[in-house]
Amino acid sequence: MVFEEFLNQNPFSENMKRILCIICPVLLLNYPLTGQEYKDITVKAGTKVIDYFPVSVRYRYPDFADGRLQFKNGITRPGLFNYNFLLGEMEFLQSHDTLSIADKKNISFITVALDTFFYNNGYIELISEGPVRVGLMHNIRLKTVERKGAYGTTDRNSSINTYNSMSFSGNFYKLMPNEDWVFQHTLQYYFSAPGRAFIQFTRKNVMEAFPQEKDAIKEYLKSNRIDFNSRDDLFRFAGYLGKL
């Protein structure tokens, strides 16, 4: 059902319809799409990395947005922020320079536009509130390096840790690899039990976070198929955990 049909089939007043027409599109723009599929991106040998990652691909927002950096010691820094998927960095503008936050271990949280980010070995965007919160760590990482072998064959080199651990400064964008580099979007889900920091959303971590409720959780998982890579499943599971 499209939004206009929803309005016409429900008994809203004209004023309420006008308000919904303004608010709902804004909410949809600021909420990550649940069904979005990401394709691998291949940087061809002899071409620049930056040519394959325009702003719309490598950044969370189309432009740097008003935000606030809150440190654990209570110090607050307002500014213009944007999250860089490719570098895995929260960047901010200072004069005409784009910089990354250096003191990550002391970050309490960062708000950007209508969103909130936390840090735990990477930036985690809060995507579901409640007693048990759900977060998403979204990055673009190097998946494979494809070297051309004899007679036109392709040798896929899985030893790419050195690439992913590179110090991704601005110079990274200017690199022209000698092989084809294949990048992929990686989505990792996290949860935060009441009073605790975010940890990866896995069965093992859930059991450790709720030791007194292990039996009930096991029974729930037997009756409910939970895909730990499915956002909708994890929202539902977090809702159940929040009621324990």
C-alpha atoms as a PDB file:
ATOM      1  CA  MET A   1       0.000   0.000   0.000  1.00  0.00           C
ATOM      2  CA  VAL A   2       1.419   3.383  -0.973  1.00  0.00           C
ATOM      3  CA  PHE A   3       1.368   6.263   1.493  1.00  0.00           C
ATOM      4  CA  GLU A   4      -1.423   8.150  -0.312  1.00  0.00           C
ATOM      5  CA  GLU A   5      -3.689   5.077  -0.217  1.00  0.00           C
ATOM      6  CA  PHE A   6      -2.983   4.680   3.497  1.00  0.00           C
ATOM      7  CA  LEU A   7      -4.125   8.255   4.134  1.00  0.00           C
ATOM      8  CA  ASN A   8      -7.268   7.915   2.026  1.00  0.00           C
ATOM      9  CA  GLN A   9      -8.344   4.672   3.701  1.00  0.00           C
ATOM     10  CA  ASN A  10      -7.961   5.960   7.269  1.00  0.00           C
ATOM     11  CA  PRO A  11     -10.170   8.531   9.029  1.00  0.00           C
ATOM     12  CA  PHE A  12      -7.589  11.272   9.570  1.00  0.00           C
ATOM     13  CA  SER A  13      -8.591  14.918   9.662  1.00  0.00           C
ATOM     14  CA  GLU A  14      -7.259  17.163   6.897  1.00  0.00           C
ATOM     15  CA  ASN A  15      -4.859  18.827   9.337  1.00  0.00           C
ATOM     16  CA  MET A  16      -3.550  15.458  10.514  1.00  0.00           C
ATOM     17  CA  LYS A  17      -3.080  14.320   6.900  1.00  0.00           C
ATOM     18  CA  ARG A  18      -1.016  17.421   6.176  1.00  0.00           C
ATOM     19  CA  ILE A  19       1.141  16.746   9.257  1.00  0.00           C
ATOM     20  CA  LEU A  20       1.683  13.104   8.284  1.00  0.00           C
ATOM     21  CA  CYS A  21       2.629  14.119   4.753  1.00  0.00           C
ATOM     22  CA  ILE A  22       5.397  16.270   6.218  1.00  0.00           C
ATOM     23  CA  ILE A  23       6.616  13.970   8.998  1.00  0.00           C
ATOM     24  CA  CYS A  24       6.549  10.493   7.421  1.00  0.00           C
ATOM     25  CA  PRO A  25       8.862  11.175   4.454  1.00  0.00           C
ATOM     26  CA  VAL A  26      11.378  12.749   6.856  1.00  0.00           C
ATOM     27  CA  LEU A  27      11.320   9.669   9.075  1.00  0.00           C
ATOM     28  CA  LEU A  28      11.791   7.371   6.093  1.00  0.00           C
ATOM     29  CA  LEU A  29      14.779   9.380   4.872  1.00  0.00           C
ATOM     30  CA  ASN A  30      16.506   9.223   8.243  1.00  0.00           C
ATOM     31  CA  TYR A  31      15.808   5.559   8.950  1.00  0.00           C
ATOM     32  CA  PRO A  32      18.117   3.003   7.246  1.00  0.00           C
ATOM     33  CA  LEU A  33      16.347   0.895   4.632  1.00  0.00           C
ATOM     34  CA  THR A  34      15.811  -2.646   5.928  1.00  0.00           C
ATOM     35  CA  GLY A  35      15.570  -4.371   2.548  1.00  0.00           C
ATOM     36  CA  GLN A  36      18.431  -2.647   0.809  1.00  0.00           C
ATOM     37  CA  GLU A  37      20.824  -4.968  -1.007  1.00  0.00           C
ATOM     38  CA  TYR A  38      24.438  -4.042  -1.602  1.00  0.00           C
ATOM     39  CA  LYS A  39      26.457  -5.264  -4.556  1.00  0.00           C
ATOM     40  CA  ASP A  40      30.190  -5.888  -4.537  1.00  0.00           C
ATOM     41  CA  ILE A  41      32.287  -3.084  -6.010  1.00  0.00           C
ATOM     42  CA  THR A  42      35.277  -4.021  -8.176  1.00  0.00           C
ATOM     43  CA  VAL A  43      38.108  -1.520  -8.527  1.00  0.00           C
ATOM     44  CA  LYS A  44      39.815  -2.421 -11.792  1.00  0.00           C
ATOM     45  CA  ALA A  45      43.609  -2.632 -11.952  1.00  0.00           C
ATOM     46  CA  GLY A  46      45.167   0.652 -13.039  1.00  0.00           C
ATOM     47  CA  THR A  47      42.220   2.803 -11.946  1.00  0.00           C
ATOM     48  CA  LYS A  48      41.791   4.980  -8.861  1.00  0.00           C
ATOM     49  CA  VAL A  49      39.857   3.727  -5.857  1.00  0.00           C
ATOM     50  CA  ILE A  50      38.044   7.051  -5.516  1.00  0.00           C
ATOM     51  CA  ASP A  51      36.468   6.660  -8.959  1.00  0.00           C
ATOM     52  CA  TYR A  52      34.284   3.841  -7.615  1.00  0.00           C
ATOM     53  CA  PHE A  53      33.222   5.458  -4.350  1.00  0.00           C
ATOM     54  CA  PRO A  54      31.392   8.750  -4.872  1.00  0.00           C
ATOM     55  CA  VAL A  55      29.970  10.584  -1.868  1.00  0.00           C
ATOM     56  CA  SER A  56      26.612   8.793  -2.184  1.00  0.00           C
ATOM     57  CA  VAL A  57      28.357   5.400  -1.794  1.00  0.00           C
ATOM     58  CA  ARG A  58      31.045   6.035   0.792  1.00  0.00           C
ATOM     59  CA  TYR A  59      29.140   8.297   3.209  1.00  0.00           C
ATOM     60  CA  ARG A  60      26.146   7.676   5.451  1.00  0.00           C
ATOM     61  CA  TYR A  61      24.665  11.103   4.686  1.00  0.00           C
ATOM     62  CA  PRO A  62      24.606  13.086   1.442  1.00  0.00           C
ATOM     63  CA  ASP A  63      26.392  15.956   3.208  1.00  0.00           C
ATOM     64  CA  PHE A  64      28.013  16.688   6.562  1.00  0.00           C
ATOM     65  CA  ALA A  65      25.263  17.291   9.110  1.00  0.00           C
ATOM     66  CA  ASP A  66      24.980  19.082  12.440  1.00  0.00           C
ATOM     67  CA  GLY A  67      25.979  16.853  15.294  1.00  0.00           C
ATOM     68  CA  ARG A  68      27.492  16.611  18.737  1.00  0.00           C
ATOM     69  CA  LEU A  69      30.397  14.588  20.077  1.00  0.00           C
ATOM     70  CA  GLN A  70      29.977  13.629  23.730  1.00  0.00           C
ATOM     71  CA  PHE A  71      33.058  12.390  25.590  1.00  0.00           C
ATOM     72  CA  LYS A  72      32.895  10.165  28.688  1.00  0.00           C
ATOM     73  CA  ASN A  73      34.310  12.998  30.812  1.00  0.00           C
ATOM     74  CA  GLY A  74      31.306  15.166  29.957  1.00  0.00           C
ATOM     75  CA  ILE A  75      33.027  17.428  27.413  1.00  0.00           C
ATOM     76  CA  THR A  76      30.853  18.148  24.377  1.00  0.00           C
ATOM     77  CA  ARG A  77      32.007  19.179  20.905  1.00  0.00           C
ATOM     78  CA  PRO A  78      29.400  20.401  18.393  1.00  0.00           C
ATOM     79  CA  GLY A  79      30.258  20.249  14.708  1.00  0.00           C
ATOM     80  CA  LEU A  80      29.466  18.946  11.240  1.00  0.00           C
ATOM     81  CA  PHE A  81      29.816  15.148  11.027  1.00  0.00           C
ATOM     82  CA  ASN A  82      29.450  12.321   8.526  1.00  0.00           C
ATOM     83  CA  TYR A  83      30.228   8.598   8.735  1.00  0.00           C
ATOM     84  CA  ASN A  84      32.591   7.197   6.099  1.00  0.00           C
ATOM     85  CA  PHE A  85      31.721   3.551   5.319  1.00  0.00           C
ATOM     86  CA  LEU A  86      34.916   2.986   3.355  1.00  0.00           C
ATOM     87  CA  LEU A  87      37.295   4.226   6.033  1.00  0.00           C
ATOM     88  CA  GLY A  88      35.139   3.145   8.982  1.00  0.00           C
ATOM     89  CA  GLU A  89      35.603   6.612  10.443  1.00  0.00           C
ATOM     90  CA  MET A  90      33.351   9.300  11.831  1.00  0.00           C
ATOM     91  CA  GLU A  91      34.633  12.422  10.121  1.00  0.00           C
ATOM     92  CA  PHE A  92      34.101  16.090  10.938  1.00  0.00           C
ATOM     93  CA  LEU A  93      34.824  19.369   9.226  1.00  0.00           C
ATOM     94  CA  GLN A  94      37.374  21.804  10.603  1.00  0.00           C
ATOM     95  CA  SER A  95      37.921  24.889   8.498  1.00  0.00           C
ATOM     96  CA  HIS A  96      38.326  23.362   5.023  1.00  0.00           C
ATOM     97  CA  ASP A  97      39.730  20.037   6.226  1.00  0.00           C
ATOM     98  CA  THR A  98      38.008  16.687   6.710  1.00  0.00           C
ATOM     99  CA  LEU A  99      39.331  15.014   9.865  1.00  0.00           C
ATOM    100  CA  SER A 100      38.728  11.799  11.806  1.00  0.00           C
ATOM    101  CA  ILE A 101      38.233  11.539  15.572  1.00  0.00           C
ATOM    102  CA  ALA A 102      41.483  10.446  17.222  1.00  0.00           C
ATOM    103  CA  ASP A 103      40.393   9.876  20.837  1.00  0.00           C
ATOM    104  CA  LYS A 104      37.917   7.090  20.082  1.00  0.00           C
ATOM    105  CA  LYS A 105      38.241   5.159  23.362  1.00  0.00           C
ATOM    106  CA  ASN A 106      36.825   8.116  25.298  1.00  0.00           C
ATOM    107  CA  ILE A 107      33.754   8.632  23.113  1.00  0.00           C
ATOM    108  CA  SER A 108      30.456   8.341  24.952  1.00  0.00           C
ATOM    109  CA  PHE A 109      28.270   8.857  21.882  1.00  0.00           C
ATOM    110  CA  ILE A 110      27.907  10.996  18.768  1.00  0.00           C
ATOM    111  CA  THR A 111      24.663  12.413  17.444  1.00  0.00           C
ATOM    112  CA  VAL A 112      24.416  13.213  13.729  1.00  0.00           C
ATOM    113  CA  ALA A 113      21.175  14.630  12.355  1.00  0.00           C
ATOM    114  CA  LEU A 114      18.532  12.396  14.023  1.00  0.00           C
ATOM    115  CA  ASP A 115      20.864   9.431  14.611  1.00  0.00           C
ATOM    116  CA  THR A 116      23.123   8.278  17.434  1.00  0.00           C
ATOM    117  CA  PHE A 117      26.444   6.431  17.136  1.00  0.00           C
ATOM    118  CA  PHE A 118      28.486   4.598  19.762  1.00  0.00           C
ATOM    119  CA  TYR A 119      32.010   3.233  19.521  1.00  0.00           C
ATOM    120  CA  ASN A 120      33.225  -0.299  20.263  1.00  0.00           C
ATOM    121  CA  ASN A 121      36.118  -1.230  17.960  1.00  0.00           C
ATOM    122  CA  GLY A 122      34.126   0.534  15.270  1.00  0.00           C
ATOM    123  CA  TYR A 123      31.163   2.891  15.002  1.00  0.00           C
ATOM    124  CA  ILE A 124      27.764   1.411  15.841  1.00  0.00           C
ATOM    125  CA  GLU A 125      24.624   3.235  14.743  1.00  0.00           C
ATOM    126  CA  LEU A 126      21.624   2.866  17.045  1.00  0.00           C
ATOM    127  CA  ILE A 127      18.783   1.472  14.920  1.00  0.00           C
ATOM    128  CA  SER A 128      16.292   0.317  17.555  1.00  0.00           C
ATOM    129  CA  GLU A 129      15.512   1.757  20.978  1.00  0.00           C
ATOM    130  CA  GLY A 130      14.038  -0.086  23.944  1.00  0.00           C
ATOM    131  CA  PRO A 131      15.226  -1.907  27.070  1.00  0.00           C
ATOM    132  CA  VAL A 132      17.474  -3.950  24.751  1.00  0.00           C
ATOM    133  CA  ARG A 133      18.829  -1.728  22.016  1.00  0.00           C
ATOM    134  CA  VAL A 134      19.983  -2.840  18.562  1.00  0.00           C
ATOM    135  CA  GLY A 135      22.892  -1.277  16.691  1.00  0.00           C
ATOM    136  CA  LEU A 136      24.470  -1.652  13.265  1.00  0.00           C
ATOM    137  CA  MET A 137      28.122  -1.483  12.264  1.00  0.00           C
ATOM    138  CA  HIS A 138      28.201  -0.832   8.509  1.00  0.00           C
ATOM    139  CA  ASN A 139      31.510  -0.751   6.636  1.00  0.00           C
ATOM    140  CA  ILE A 140      32.907  -1.273   3.170  1.00  0.00           C
ATOM    141  CA  ARG A 141      35.820  -3.709   3.290  1.00  0.00           C
ATOM    142  CA  LEU A 142      38.157  -5.355   0.848  1.00  0.00           C
ATOM    143  CA  LYS A 143      36.805  -8.824   0.069  1.00  0.00           C
ATOM    144  CA  THR A 144      39.256 -10.287  -2.463  1.00  0.00           C
ATOM    145  CA  VAL A 145      42.246  -9.351  -4.580  1.00  0.00           C
ATOM    146  CA  GLU A 146      42.035 -10.814  -8.079  1.00  0.00           C
ATOM    147  CA  ARG A 147      45.317 -11.320  -9.888  1.00  0.00           C
ATOM    148  CA  LYS A 148      45.345 -12.233 -13.557  1.00  0.00           C
ATOM    149  CA  GLY A 149      47.012 -15.604 -14.061  1.00  0.00           C
ATOM    150  CA  ALA A 150      48.225 -17.453 -17.116  1.00  0.00           C
ATOM    151  CA  TYR A 151      45.909 -17.786 -20.126  1.00  0.00           C
ATOM    152  CA  GLY A 152      43.504 -15.203 -18.755  1.00  0.00           C
ATOM    153  CA  THR A 153      42.672 -17.075 -15.558  1.00  0.00           C
ATOM    154  CA  THR A 154      41.941 -15.257 -12.308  1.00  0.00           C
ATOM    155  CA  ASP A 155      43.826 -15.991  -9.097  1.00  0.00           C
ATOM    156  CA  ARG A 156      41.769 -14.914  -6.093  1.00  0.00           C
ATOM    157  CA  ASN A 157      44.073 -13.967  -3.246  1.00  0.00           C
ATOM    158  CA  SER A 158      42.341 -14.338   0.105  1.00  0.00           C
ATOM    159  CA  SER A 159      45.315 -12.943   2.031  1.00  0.00           C
ATOM    160  CA  ILE A 160      43.997  -9.402   2.259  1.00  0.00           C
ATOM    161  CA  ASN A 161      44.478  -8.571   5.930  1.00  0.00           C
ATOM    162  CA  THR A 162      47.348  -6.266   5.047  1.00  0.00           C
ATOM    163  CA  TYR A 163      45.005  -4.220   2.867  1.00  0.00           C
ATOM    164  CA  ASN A 164      42.226  -3.965   5.428  1.00  0.00           C
ATOM    165  CA  SER A 165      44.684  -2.996   8.168  1.00  0.00           C
ATOM    166  CA  MET A 166      46.223  -0.215   6.107  1.00  0.00           C
ATOM    167  CA  SER A 167      46.190   3.259   7.586  1.00  0.00           C
ATOM    168  CA  PHE A 168      43.382   4.575   5.406  1.00  0.00           C
ATOM    169  CA  SER A 169      44.357   8.205   5.098  1.00  0.00           C
ATOM    170  CA  GLY A 170      43.116  10.433   2.322  1.00  0.00           C
ATOM    171  CA  ASN A 171      45.911   9.063   0.129  1.00  0.00           C
ATOM    172  CA  PHE A 172      44.077   5.715   0.011  1.00  0.00           C
ATOM    173  CA  TYR A 173      41.567   7.218  -2.399  1.00  0.00           C
ATOM    174  CA  LYS A 174      44.355   7.977  -4.869  1.00  0.00           C
ATOM    175  CA  LEU A 175      45.699   4.431  -4.959  1.00  0.00           C
ATOM    176  CA  MET A 176      45.768   2.643  -8.332  1.00  0.00           C
ATOM    177  CA  PRO A 177      46.057  -1.098  -7.570  1.00  0.00           C
ATOM    178  CA  ASN A 178      47.910  -3.451  -9.874  1.00  0.00           C
ATOM    179  CA  GLU A 179      45.184  -6.066  -9.378  1.00  0.00           C
ATOM    180  CA  ASP A 180      41.398  -5.959  -9.302  1.00  0.00           C
ATOM    181  CA  TRP A 181      40.204  -5.174  -5.776  1.00  0.00           C
ATOM    182  CA  VAL A 182      36.723  -6.381  -4.861  1.00  0.00           C
ATOM    183  CA  PHE A 183      35.006  -4.516  -2.005  1.00  0.00           C
ATOM    184  CA  GLN A 184      31.839  -5.508  -0.181  1.00  0.00           C
ATOM    185  CA  HIS A 185      29.453  -3.903   2.297  1.00  0.00           C
ATOM    186  CA  THR A 186      29.622  -5.627   5.688  1.00  0.00           C
ATOM    187  CA  LEU A 187      26.698  -5.342   8.104  1.00  0.00           C
ATOM    188  CA  GLN A 188      27.232  -6.496  11.682  1.00  0.00           C
ATOM    189  CA  TYR A 189      24.480  -6.234  14.272  1.00  0.00           C
ATOM    190  CA  TYR A 190      25.025  -5.414  17.951  1.00  0.00           C
ATOM    191  CA  PHE A 191      22.843  -5.287  21.037  1.00  0.00           C
ATOM    192  CA  SER A 192      23.017  -3.481  24.339  1.00  0.00           C
ATOM    193  CA  ALA A 193      21.501  -5.085  27.428  1.00  0.00           C
ATOM    194  CA  PRO A 194      20.277  -2.652  30.114  1.00  0.00           C
ATOM    195  CA  GLY A 195      23.221  -0.787  31.636  1.00  0.00           C
ATOM    196  CA  ARG A 196      25.767  -2.400  29.302  1.00  0.00           C
ATOM    197  CA  ALA A 197      27.807  -1.417  26.270  1.00  0.00           C
ATOM    198  CA  PHE A 198      27.079  -2.718  22.785  1.00  0.00           C
ATOM    199  CA  ILE A 199      28.384  -6.187  21.898  1.00  0.00           C
ATOM    200  CA  GLN A 200      27.899  -8.241  18.744  1.00  0.00           C
ATOM    201  CA  PHE A 201      24.431  -9.761  18.451  1.00  0.00           C
ATOM    202  CA  THR A 202      25.150 -13.510  18.599  1.00  0.00           C
ATOM    203  CA  ARG A 203      23.464 -16.395  20.387  1.00  0.00           C
ATOM    204  CA  LYS A 204      26.538 -16.891  22.598  1.00  0.00           C
ATOM    205  CA  ASN A 205      26.656 -13.226  23.653  1.00  0.00           C
ATOM    206  CA  VAL A 206      22.928 -13.173  24.390  1.00  0.00           C
ATOM    207  CA  MET A 207      23.260 -16.188  26.673  1.00  0.00           C
ATOM    208  CA  GLU A 208      26.152 -14.568  28.526  1.00  0.00           C
ATOM    209  CA  ALA A 209      24.270 -11.264  28.884  1.00  0.00           C
ATOM    210  CA  PHE A 210      21.174 -12.970  30.338  1.00  0.00           C
ATOM    211  CA  PRO A 211      22.569 -15.844  32.441  1.00  0.00           C
ATOM    212  CA  GLN A 212      19.451 -16.111  34.608  1.00  0.00           C
ATOM    213  CA  GLU A 213      17.185 -16.449  31.562  1.00  0.00           C
ATOM    214  CA  LYS A 214      19.115 -19.047  29.539  1.00  0.00           C
ATOM    215  CA  ASP A 215      16.393 -21.700  29.673  1.00  0.00           C
ATOM    216  CA  ALA A 216      13.656 -19.288  28.614  1.00  0.00           C
ATOM    217  CA  ILE A 217      15.810 -17.943  25.773  1.00  0.00           C
ATOM    218  CA  LYS A 218      16.613 -21.458  24.556  1.00  0.00           C
ATOM    219  CA  GLU A 219      12.905 -22.291  24.461  1.00  0.00           C
ATOM    220  CA  TYR A 220      12.181 -19.069  22.589  1.00  0.00           C
ATOM    221  CA  LEU A 221      14.859 -19.849  19.991  1.00  0.00           C
ATOM    222  CA  LYS A 222      13.446 -23.335  19.519  1.00  0.00           C
ATOM    223  CA  SER A 223      10.023 -21.919  18.714  1.00  0.00           C
ATOM    224  CA  ASN A 224      11.226 -18.889  16.736  1.00  0.00           C
ATOM    225  CA  ARG A 225      13.707 -19.092  13.897  1.00  0.00           C
ATOM    226  CA  ILE A 226      16.094 -16.179  14.402  1.00  0.00           C
ATOM    227  CA  ASP A 227      18.480 -15.221  11.625  1.00  0.00           C
ATOM    228  CA  PHE A 228      21.231 -13.206  13.305  1.00  0.00           C
ATOM    229  CA  ASN A 229      21.862 -11.457   9.976  1.00  0.00           C
ATOM    230  CA  SER A 230      18.239 -10.328   9.669  1.00  0.00           C
ATOM    231  CA  ARG A 231      17.429  -6.895  11.005  1.00  0.00           C
ATOM    232  CA  ASP A 232      13.719  -7.688  11.403  1.00  0.00           C
ATOM    233  CA  ASP A 233      14.429 -10.942  13.265  1.00  0.00           C
ATOM    234  CA  LEU A 234      16.803  -9.177  15.642  1.00  0.00           C
ATOM    235  CA  PHE A 235      14.320  -6.381  16.299  1.00  0.00           C
ATOM    236  CA  ARG A 236      11.789  -9.038  17.264  1.00  0.00           C
ATOM    237  CA  PHE A 237      14.300 -10.945  19.397  1.00  0.00           C
ATOM    238  CA  ALA A 238      15.425  -7.759  21.164  1.00  0.00           C
ATOM    239  CA  GLY A 239      11.794  -6.981  21.943  1.00  0.00           C
ATOM    240  CA  TYR A 240      11.442 -10.383  23.592  1.00  0.00           C
ATOM    241  CA  LEU A 241      14.679  -9.968  25.561  1.00  0.00           C
ATOM    242  CA  GLY A 242      13.521  -6.573  26.781  1.00  0.00           C
ATOM    243  CA  LYS A 243      10.508  -8.193  28.444  1.00  0.00           C
ATOM    244  CA  LEU A 244      12.485 -10.781  30.436  1.00  0.00           C
END
